[in-house]
Amino acid sequence: MRKKKEKKSRFDLIWGRHPVLESLKGGLPVQKIDIFAGARGWVVEEIVKLAQKGNIPVKRVPLEELEKRVSGENHQGIIAYLSPYCYLTTEELLQQARSKGLPFLLMLDHLQDPFNFGSLLRTASLTNASGAIIPQDRACGVTPAVFKGSAGALAHVPVARTVNLAREVDFLKGEGLWVMGADMEGELPFFEADFRLPMVLILGSEGKGLSRLLKEKCDFLLRIPTAETISSLNVSVAGGIVMYEVFRQRGLRV
């Protein structure tokens, strides 16, 4: 059994009707919910119903109180208060993935932008990816902006965090997973790869791409052919293209 790493992250508030609804549906650790006294509609009713079912306190509050909490944000009259996000270890994530079928993990190599992170999690949810692995330092962690960017998908896609990505790659290889990195200079067009295998897809950071060490550890480097009008794709777009090909090859099962 490998030693477990630190698992907590500051993650206090989620705002907006659909993000709060998805946080409840996904079982995130919501502690209480504040709703504008005048807020109405089916989403609000569903939130209240789910909160009551989970014994989560709901309080109707003046609009000024919500504005004080998340000034300048489009809160849509509702805020949820969460316990700190609890990361998995890579070992726990892999165990969960195997319990649901053929593992398909994402590894994000020092991604910085929370909206790219959130967008990748949303695509991961839509393409049956098993979860994501991120580094502890010099990278975007789980934040309210990530949850918002994921349109609630974070509630359905578990995230593991580690101090050493290279070590996790070695662990996953030892567990029988194939390691594939997306790189604009990769030797294999992504649509020629066989994704019907237990695998981890590594995506690089916005400015630097894949690190040299992780490149060297990949079994394959995948290239997305493009017209030569721009130098590269945005990481969330590139990741989405490859994830949908994995989904297609695996039979589009949901």
C-alpha atoms as a PDB file:
ATOM      1  CA  MET A   1       0.000   0.000   0.000  1.00  0.00           C
ATOM      2  CA  ARG A   2       1.437   3.376  -1.001  1.00  0.00           C
ATOM      3  CA  LYS A   3       1.514   6.201   1.500  1.00  0.00           C
ATOM      4  CA  LYS A   4      -1.408   8.592   1.152  1.00  0.00           C
ATOM      5  CA  LYS A   5      -0.680  12.240   0.446  1.00  0.00           C
ATOM      6  CA  GLU A   6      -2.276  15.462   1.652  1.00  0.00           C
ATOM      7  CA  LYS A   7      -5.840  15.621   0.382  1.00  0.00           C
ATOM      8  CA  LYS A   8      -7.390  18.972   1.340  1.00  0.00           C
ATOM      9  CA  SER A   9      -7.913  22.090  -0.737  1.00  0.00           C
ATOM     10  CA  ARG A  10      -9.635  25.381   0.022  1.00  0.00           C
ATOM     11  CA  PHE A  11     -13.007  25.145  -1.685  1.00  0.00           C
ATOM     12  CA  ASP A  12     -15.621  27.102   0.227  1.00  0.00           C
ATOM     13  CA  LEU A  13     -18.271  28.534  -2.077  1.00  0.00           C
ATOM     14  CA  ILE A  14     -20.177  27.550  -5.202  1.00  0.00           C
ATOM     15  CA  TRP A  15     -22.651  29.965  -6.723  1.00  0.00           C
ATOM     16  CA  GLY A  16     -25.175  29.828  -9.542  1.00  0.00           C
ATOM     17  CA  ARG A  17     -28.285  27.675  -9.814  1.00  0.00           C
ATOM     18  CA  HIS A  18     -27.055  24.842 -12.015  1.00  0.00           C
ATOM     19  CA  PRO A  19     -23.604  24.552 -10.375  1.00  0.00           C
ATOM     20  CA  VAL A  20     -25.254  24.282  -6.948  1.00  0.00           C
ATOM     21  CA  LEU A  21     -27.765  21.753  -8.273  1.00  0.00           C
ATOM     22  CA  GLU A  22     -24.965  19.643  -9.772  1.00  0.00           C
ATOM     23  CA  SER A  23     -22.969  19.819  -6.552  1.00  0.00           C
ATOM     24  CA  LEU A  24     -25.924  18.291  -4.711  1.00  0.00           C
ATOM     25  CA  LYS A  25     -26.542  15.648  -7.361  1.00  0.00           C
ATOM     26  CA  GLY A  26     -22.859  14.733  -7.398  1.00  0.00           C
ATOM     27  CA  GLY A  27     -22.600  14.312  -3.652  1.00  0.00           C
ATOM     28  CA  LEU A  28     -20.140  17.132  -2.965  1.00  0.00           C
ATOM     29  CA  PRO A  29     -19.850  17.998   0.753  1.00  0.00           C
ATOM     30  CA  VAL A  30     -22.363  20.867   0.855  1.00  0.00           C
ATOM     31  CA  GLN A  31     -22.760  22.168   4.414  1.00  0.00           C
ATOM     32  CA  LYS A  32     -25.447  24.816   3.911  1.00  0.00           C
ATOM     33  CA  ILE A  33     -27.168  26.846   1.193  1.00  0.00           C
ATOM     34  CA  ASP A  34     -28.244  30.493   1.101  1.00  0.00           C
ATOM     35  CA  ILE A  35     -30.999  31.460  -1.354  1.00  0.00           C
ATOM     36  CA  PHE A  36     -32.276  34.942  -2.158  1.00  0.00           C
ATOM     37  CA  ALA A  37     -35.674  35.392  -0.535  1.00  0.00           C
ATOM     38  CA  GLY A  38     -37.279  36.208  -3.880  1.00  0.00           C
ATOM     39  CA  ALA A  39     -35.699  33.392  -5.927  1.00  0.00           C
ATOM     40  CA  ARG A  40     -38.199  31.101  -7.646  1.00  0.00           C
ATOM     41  CA  GLY A  41     -38.265  28.453 -10.383  1.00  0.00           C
ATOM     42  CA  TRP A  42     -37.938  24.706 -10.836  1.00  0.00           C
ATOM     43  CA  VAL A  43     -34.165  24.676 -10.299  1.00  0.00           C
ATOM     44  CA  VAL A  44     -34.553  26.422  -6.953  1.00  0.00           C
ATOM     45  CA  GLU A  45     -37.314  23.995  -5.972  1.00  0.00           C
ATOM     46  CA  GLU A  46     -35.123  21.015  -6.933  1.00  0.00           C
ATOM     47  CA  ILE A  47     -32.208  22.407  -4.925  1.00  0.00           C
ATOM     48  CA  VAL A  48     -34.398  22.843  -1.853  1.00  0.00           C
ATOM     49  CA  LYS A  49     -35.811  19.335  -2.246  1.00  0.00           C
ATOM     50  CA  LEU A  50     -32.369  17.717  -2.569  1.00  0.00           C
ATOM     51  CA  ALA A  51     -31.025  19.758   0.335  1.00  0.00           C
ATOM     52  CA  GLN A  52     -33.894  18.681   2.564  1.00  0.00           C
ATOM     53  CA  LYS A  53     -33.339  15.067   1.542  1.00  0.00           C
ATOM     54  CA  GLY A  54     -29.685  15.371   2.571  1.00  0.00           C
ATOM     55  CA  ASN A  55     -30.455  17.292   5.785  1.00  0.00           C
ATOM     56  CA  ILE A  56     -28.592  20.326   4.444  1.00  0.00           C
ATOM     57  CA  PRO A  57     -29.760  23.640   5.976  1.00  0.00           C
ATOM     58  CA  VAL A  58     -31.324  26.109   3.527  1.00  0.00           C
ATOM     59  CA  LYS A  59     -31.739  29.754   4.475  1.00  0.00           C
ATOM     60  CA  ARG A  60     -33.617  32.489   2.628  1.00  0.00           C
ATOM     61  CA  VAL A  61     -31.556  35.683   2.786  1.00  0.00           C
ATOM     62  CA  PRO A  62     -31.630  39.273   1.475  1.00  0.00           C
ATOM     63  CA  LEU A  63     -29.886  39.919  -1.829  1.00  0.00           C
ATOM     64  CA  GLU A  64     -27.362  42.154  -0.057  1.00  0.00           C
ATOM     65  CA  GLU A  65     -26.053  39.207   1.948  1.00  0.00           C
ATOM     66  CA  LEU A  66     -25.322  37.211  -1.206  1.00  0.00           C
ATOM     67  CA  GLU A  67     -23.636  40.211  -2.805  1.00  0.00           C
ATOM     68  CA  LYS A  68     -21.427  40.562   0.250  1.00  0.00           C
ATOM     69  CA  ARG A  69     -20.282  36.936  -0.079  1.00  0.00           C
ATOM     70  CA  VAL A  70     -19.508  36.889  -3.817  1.00  0.00           C
ATOM     71  CA  SER A  71     -19.337  40.504  -4.879  1.00  0.00           C
ATOM     72  CA  GLY A  72     -19.437  40.998  -8.630  1.00  0.00           C
ATOM     73  CA  GLU A  73     -20.201  37.357  -9.441  1.00  0.00           C
ATOM     74  CA  ASN A  74     -23.313  36.115 -11.239  1.00  0.00           C
ATOM     75  CA  HIS A  75     -24.629  34.112  -8.293  1.00  0.00           C
ATOM     76  CA  GLN A  76     -28.215  33.888  -9.644  1.00  0.00           C
ATOM     77  CA  GLY A  77     -29.558  34.244  -6.119  1.00  0.00           C
ATOM     78  CA  ILE A  78     -27.944  31.149  -4.620  1.00  0.00           C
ATOM     79  CA  ILE A  79     -24.709  30.175  -2.840  1.00  0.00           C
ATOM     80  CA  ALA A  80     -23.649  26.790  -1.475  1.00  0.00           C
ATOM     81  CA  TYR A  81     -21.030  26.435   1.275  1.00  0.00           C
ATOM     82  CA  LEU A  82     -18.808  23.374   0.994  1.00  0.00           C
ATOM     83  CA  SER A  83     -16.260  21.594   3.115  1.00  0.00           C
ATOM     84  CA  PRO A  84     -12.736  21.658   1.607  1.00  0.00           C
ATOM     85  CA  TYR A  85     -12.440  19.508  -1.517  1.00  0.00           C
ATOM     86  CA  CYS A  86     -11.037  16.074  -0.720  1.00  0.00           C
ATOM     87  CA  TYR A  87      -8.595  14.824  -3.346  1.00  0.00           C
ATOM     88  CA  LEU A  88      -8.052  11.143  -3.976  1.00  0.00           C
ATOM     89  CA  THR A  89      -4.673   9.487  -4.299  1.00  0.00           C
ATOM     90  CA  THR A  90      -3.795   8.068  -7.706  1.00  0.00           C
ATOM     91  CA  GLU A  91      -4.168   4.603  -6.244  1.00  0.00           C
ATOM     92  CA  GLU A  92      -7.688   5.379  -5.024  1.00  0.00           C
ATOM     93  CA  LEU A  93      -8.604   6.915  -8.378  1.00  0.00           C
ATOM     94  CA  LEU A  94      -7.377   3.853 -10.258  1.00  0.00           C
ATOM     95  CA  GLN A  95      -9.297   1.562  -7.927  1.00  0.00           C
ATOM     96  CA  GLN A  96     -12.493   3.527  -8.593  1.00  0.00           C
ATOM     97  CA  ALA A  97     -11.834   3.484 -12.339  1.00  0.00           C
ATOM     98  CA  ARG A  98     -11.363  -0.291 -12.407  1.00  0.00           C
ATOM     99  CA  SER A  99     -14.584  -0.821 -10.489  1.00  0.00           C
ATOM    100  CA  LYS A 100     -16.480   0.884 -13.330  1.00  0.00           C
ATOM    101  CA  GLY A 101     -14.768  -0.731 -16.326  1.00  0.00           C
ATOM    102  CA  LEU A 102     -11.773   0.043 -18.503  1.00  0.00           C
ATOM    103  CA  PRO A 103      -9.703   2.844 -16.909  1.00  0.00           C
ATOM    104  CA  PHE A 104      -9.266   6.087 -18.838  1.00  0.00           C
ATOM    105  CA  LEU A 105      -7.426   8.658 -16.728  1.00  0.00           C
ATOM    106  CA  LEU A 106      -6.354  12.209 -17.528  1.00  0.00           C
ATOM    107  CA  MET A 107      -3.094  13.634 -16.219  1.00  0.00           C
ATOM    108  CA  LEU A 108      -2.703  17.414 -16.395  1.00  0.00           C
ATOM    109  CA  ASP A 109       0.927  18.547 -16.486  1.00  0.00           C
ATOM    110  CA  HIS A 110       0.901  21.844 -14.533  1.00  0.00           C
ATOM    111  CA  LEU A 111      -2.204  23.337 -16.113  1.00  0.00           C
ATOM    112  CA  GLN A 112      -2.668  26.948 -14.938  1.00  0.00           C
ATOM    113  CA  ASP A 113      -6.020  28.188 -16.203  1.00  0.00           C
ATOM    114  CA  PRO A 114      -9.067  27.215 -14.099  1.00  0.00           C
ATOM    115  CA  PHE A 115     -11.379  27.529 -17.091  1.00  0.00           C
ATOM    116  CA  ASN A 116      -9.266  25.118 -19.134  1.00  0.00           C
ATOM    117  CA  PHE A 117      -9.287  22.743 -16.169  1.00  0.00           C
ATOM    118  CA  GLY A 118     -13.049  23.057 -15.799  1.00  0.00           C
ATOM    119  CA  SER A 119     -13.643  22.611 -19.524  1.00  0.00           C
ATOM    120  CA  LEU A 120     -11.522  19.443 -19.565  1.00  0.00           C
ATOM    121  CA  LEU A 121     -13.467  18.042 -16.617  1.00  0.00           C
ATOM    122  CA  ARG A 122     -16.737  18.715 -18.422  1.00  0.00           C
ATOM    123  CA  THR A 123     -15.513  16.884 -21.520  1.00  0.00           C
ATOM    124  CA  ALA A 124     -14.158  14.105 -19.311  1.00  0.00           C
ATOM    125  CA  SER A 125     -17.615  13.650 -17.819  1.00  0.00           C
ATOM    126  CA  LEU A 126     -19.236  13.551 -21.262  1.00  0.00           C
ATOM    127  CA  THR A 127     -16.748  10.989 -22.618  1.00  0.00           C
ATOM    128  CA  ASN A 128     -16.642   8.582 -19.672  1.00  0.00           C
ATOM    129  CA  ALA A 129     -13.125   9.464 -18.519  1.00  0.00           C
ATOM    130  CA  SER A 130     -12.474   7.964 -15.099  1.00  0.00           C
ATOM    131  CA  GLY A 131     -10.912  11.016 -13.457  1.00  0.00           C
ATOM    132  CA  ALA A 132      -8.001  13.450 -13.495  1.00  0.00           C
ATOM    133  CA  ILE A 133      -4.587  13.595 -11.826  1.00  0.00           C
ATOM    134  CA  ILE A 134      -2.969  16.963 -11.112  1.00  0.00           C
ATOM    135  CA  PRO A 135       0.262  18.083  -9.404  1.00  0.00           C
ATOM    136  CA  GLN A 136       0.168  19.719  -6.004  1.00  0.00           C
ATOM    137  CA  ASP A 137       2.480  22.620  -6.859  1.00  0.00           C
ATOM    138  CA  ARG A 138       2.663  25.175  -9.691  1.00  0.00           C
ATOM    139  CA  ALA A 139      -0.724  24.162 -11.060  1.00  0.00           C
ATOM    140  CA  CYS A 140      -4.379  25.065 -10.815  1.00  0.00           C
ATOM    141  CA  GLY A 141      -6.156  23.088  -8.117  1.00  0.00           C
ATOM    142  CA  VAL A 142      -9.851  22.597  -7.476  1.00  0.00           C
ATOM    143  CA  THR A 143     -11.454  26.028  -7.015  1.00  0.00           C
ATOM    144  CA  PRO A 144     -14.931  27.528  -7.398  1.00  0.00           C
ATOM    145  CA  ALA A 145     -13.838  28.836 -10.820  1.00  0.00           C
ATOM    146  CA  VAL A 146     -12.959  25.287 -11.887  1.00  0.00           C
ATOM    147  CA  PHE A 147     -16.329  24.008 -10.714  1.00  0.00           C
ATOM    148  CA  LYS A 148     -18.087  26.827 -12.547  1.00  0.00           C
ATOM    149  CA  GLY A 149     -16.041  26.191 -15.696  1.00  0.00           C
ATOM    150  CA  SER A 150     -16.905  22.511 -15.560  1.00  0.00           C
ATOM    151  CA  ALA A 151     -20.634  23.369 -15.489  1.00  0.00           C
ATOM    152  CA  GLY A 152     -20.942  21.094 -12.473  1.00  0.00           C
ATOM    153  CA  ALA A 153     -19.053  18.150 -13.984  1.00  0.00           C
ATOM    154  CA  LEU A 154     -16.514  18.244 -11.158  1.00  0.00           C
ATOM    155  CA  ALA A 155     -19.178  16.621  -9.002  1.00  0.00           C
ATOM    156  CA  HIS A 156     -18.995  13.547 -11.270  1.00  0.00           C
ATOM    157  CA  VAL A 157     -15.281  13.392 -12.194  1.00  0.00           C
ATOM    158  CA  PRO A 158     -12.939  12.634  -9.263  1.00  0.00           C
ATOM    159  CA  VAL A 159      -9.583  14.390  -9.022  1.00  0.00           C
ATOM    160  CA  ALA A 160      -6.369  13.006  -7.530  1.00  0.00           C
ATOM    161  CA  ARG A 161      -3.447  15.211  -6.539  1.00  0.00           C
ATOM    162  CA  THR A 162       0.200  14.258  -6.150  1.00  0.00           C
ATOM    163  CA  VAL A 163       3.569  15.830  -5.421  1.00  0.00           C
ATOM    164  CA  ASN A 164       5.259  13.952  -8.290  1.00  0.00           C
ATOM    165  CA  LEU A 165       3.584  13.260 -11.641  1.00  0.00           C
ATOM    166  CA  ALA A 166       6.510  11.232 -12.977  1.00  0.00           C
ATOM    167  CA  ARG A 167       6.276   8.847 -10.048  1.00  0.00           C
ATOM    168  CA  GLU A 168       2.549   8.399 -10.671  1.00  0.00           C
ATOM    169  CA  VAL A 169       3.248   7.577 -14.324  1.00  0.00           C
ATOM    170  CA  ASP A 170       5.639   4.838 -13.203  1.00  0.00           C
ATOM    171  CA  PHE A 171       2.989   3.521 -10.802  1.00  0.00           C
ATOM    172  CA  LEU A 172       0.288   3.483 -13.491  1.00  0.00           C
ATOM    173  CA  LYS A 173       2.583   1.733 -15.955  1.00  0.00           C
ATOM    174  CA  GLY A 174       3.288  -0.872 -13.315  1.00  0.00           C
ATOM    175  CA  GLU A 175      -0.465  -1.359 -12.973  1.00  0.00           C
ATOM    176  CA  GLY A 176      -0.786  -2.115 -16.682  1.00  0.00           C
ATOM    177  CA  LEU A 177      -1.943   1.240 -18.052  1.00  0.00           C
ATOM    178  CA  TRP A 178      -0.660   2.592 -21.359  1.00  0.00           C
ATOM    179  CA  VAL A 179       0.602   6.168 -21.144  1.00  0.00           C
ATOM    180  CA  MET A 180      -0.132   8.509 -24.049  1.00  0.00           C
ATOM    181  CA  GLY A 181       0.800  12.166 -24.275  1.00  0.00           C
ATOM    182  CA  ALA A 182      -0.725  14.802 -26.541  1.00  0.00           C
ATOM    183  CA  ASP A 183       2.074  16.721 -28.247  1.00  0.00           C
ATOM    184  CA  MET A 184       2.055  18.784 -31.445  1.00  0.00           C
ATOM    185  CA  GLU A 185       5.280  17.068 -32.519  1.00  0.00           C
ATOM    186  CA  GLY A 186       4.047  13.579 -31.673  1.00  0.00           C
ATOM    187  CA  GLU A 187       4.824  10.766 -34.094  1.00  0.00           C
ATOM    188  CA  LEU A 188       1.366   9.122 -34.077  1.00  0.00           C
ATOM    189  CA  PRO A 189      -1.798  10.802 -35.417  1.00  0.00           C
ATOM    190  CA  PHE A 190      -4.320  10.455 -32.591  1.00  0.00           C
ATOM    191  CA  PHE A 191      -6.914   8.717 -34.784  1.00  0.00           C
ATOM    192  CA  GLU A 192      -4.449   5.894 -35.510  1.00  0.00           C
ATOM    193  CA  ALA A 193      -3.959   5.042 -31.830  1.00  0.00           C
ATOM    194  CA  ASP A 194      -5.785   2.129 -30.197  1.00  0.00           C
ATOM    195  CA  PHE A 195      -7.637   3.515 -27.189  1.00  0.00           C
ATOM    196  CA  ARG A 196      -9.429   0.282 -26.317  1.00  0.00           C
ATOM    197  CA  LEU A 197      -6.845  -0.276 -23.594  1.00  0.00           C
ATOM    198  CA  PRO A 198      -6.491   0.815 -19.963  1.00  0.00           C
ATOM    199  CA  MET A 199      -4.807   4.174 -20.407  1.00  0.00           C
ATOM    200  CA  VAL A 200      -3.792   7.573 -19.123  1.00  0.00           C
ATOM    201  CA  LEU A 201      -3.773  10.626 -21.405  1.00  0.00           C
ATOM    202  CA  ILE A 202      -1.293  13.359 -20.434  1.00  0.00           C
ATOM    203  CA  LEU A 203      -2.008  16.953 -21.446  1.00  0.00           C
ATOM    204  CA  GLY A 204       0.581  19.704 -21.086  1.00  0.00           C
ATOM    205  CA  SER A 205       0.372  23.216 -19.685  1.00  0.00           C
ATOM    206  CA  GLU A 206      -0.899  26.159 -21.702  1.00  0.00           C
ATOM    207  CA  GLY A 207       2.491  27.725 -22.377  1.00  0.00           C
ATOM    208  CA  LYS A 208       5.028  24.913 -22.170  1.00  0.00           C
ATOM    209  CA  GLY A 209       3.202  21.752 -23.214  1.00  0.00           C
ATOM    210  CA  LEU A 210       4.437  18.423 -21.868  1.00  0.00           C
ATOM    211  CA  SER A 211       7.535  18.413 -19.704  1.00  0.00           C
ATOM    212  CA  ARG A 212      10.578  16.584 -21.065  1.00  0.00           C
ATOM    213  CA  LEU A 213      10.484  13.927 -18.339  1.00  0.00           C
ATOM    214  CA  LEU A 214       6.832  13.058 -18.908  1.00  0.00           C
ATOM    215  CA  LYS A 215       7.374  12.972 -22.672  1.00  0.00           C
ATOM    216  CA  GLU A 216      10.126  10.421 -22.174  1.00  0.00           C
ATOM    217  CA  LYS A 217       7.852   8.255 -20.050  1.00  0.00           C
ATOM    218  CA  CYS A 218       5.014   8.141 -22.609  1.00  0.00           C
ATOM    219  CA  ASP A 219       4.458   4.940 -24.573  1.00  0.00           C
ATOM    220  CA  PHE A 220       3.133   7.064 -27.453  1.00  0.00           C
ATOM    221  CA  LEU A 221       3.085  10.767 -28.289  1.00  0.00           C
ATOM    222  CA  LEU A 222      -0.121  11.680 -30.095  1.00  0.00           C
ATOM    223  CA  ARG A 223      -0.344  14.417 -32.702  1.00  0.00           C
ATOM    224  CA  ILE A 224      -3.496  16.230 -33.805  1.00  0.00           C
ATOM    225  CA  PRO A 225      -3.022  17.141 -37.492  1.00  0.00           C
ATOM    226  CA  THR A 226      -4.096  20.718 -38.267  1.00  0.00           C
ATOM    227  CA  ALA A 227      -3.913  23.251 -41.067  1.00  0.00           C
ATOM    228  CA  GLU A 228      -0.713  25.285 -40.760  1.00  0.00           C
ATOM    229  CA  THR A 229      -2.441  28.564 -39.954  1.00  0.00           C
ATOM    230  CA  ILE A 230      -1.751  28.622 -36.198  1.00  0.00           C
ATOM    231  CA  SER A 231       0.968  27.003 -34.119  1.00  0.00           C
ATOM    232  CA  SER A 232      -1.136  24.936 -31.721  1.00  0.00           C
ATOM    233  CA  LEU A 233      -4.554  24.180 -30.259  1.00  0.00           C
ATOM    234  CA  ASN A 234      -5.796  25.331 -26.883  1.00  0.00           C
ATOM    235  CA  VAL A 235      -5.212  22.518 -24.365  1.00  0.00           C
ATOM    236  CA  SER A 236      -8.907  22.096 -23.556  1.00  0.00           C
ATOM    237  CA  VAL A 237      -9.733  21.851 -27.274  1.00  0.00           C
ATOM    238  CA  ALA A 238      -6.904  19.379 -27.943  1.00  0.00           C
ATOM    239  CA  GLY A 239      -7.892  17.315 -24.930  1.00  0.00           C
ATOM    240  CA  GLY A 240     -11.511  17.297 -26.036  1.00  0.00           C
ATOM    241  CA  ILE A 241     -10.630  16.058 -29.525  1.00  0.00           C
ATOM    242  CA  VAL A 242      -8.647  13.110 -28.179  1.00  0.00           C
ATOM    243  CA  MET A 243     -11.175  12.294 -25.456  1.00  0.00           C
ATOM    244  CA  TYR A 244     -13.991  12.049 -27.984  1.00  0.00           C
ATOM    245  CA  GLU A 245     -11.895   9.687 -30.104  1.00  0.00           C
ATOM    246  CA  VAL A 246     -11.374   7.493 -27.034  1.00  0.00           C
ATOM    247  CA  PHE A 247     -15.129   7.603 -26.445  1.00  0.00           C
ATOM    248  CA  ARG A 248     -15.850   6.733 -30.086  1.00  0.00           C
ATOM    249  CA  GLN A 249     -13.474   3.784 -30.144  1.00  0.00           C
ATOM    250  CA  ARG A 250     -14.916   2.407 -26.950  1.00  0.00           C
ATOM    251  CA  GLY A 251     -18.382   2.268 -28.432  1.00  0.00           C
ATOM    252  CA  LEU A 252     -19.943   5.552 -27.290  1.00  0.00           C
ATOM    253  CA  ARG A 253     -21.339   3.830 -24.204  1.00  0.00           C
ATOM    254  CA  VAL A 254     -22.716   6.092 -21.469  1.00  0.00           C
END
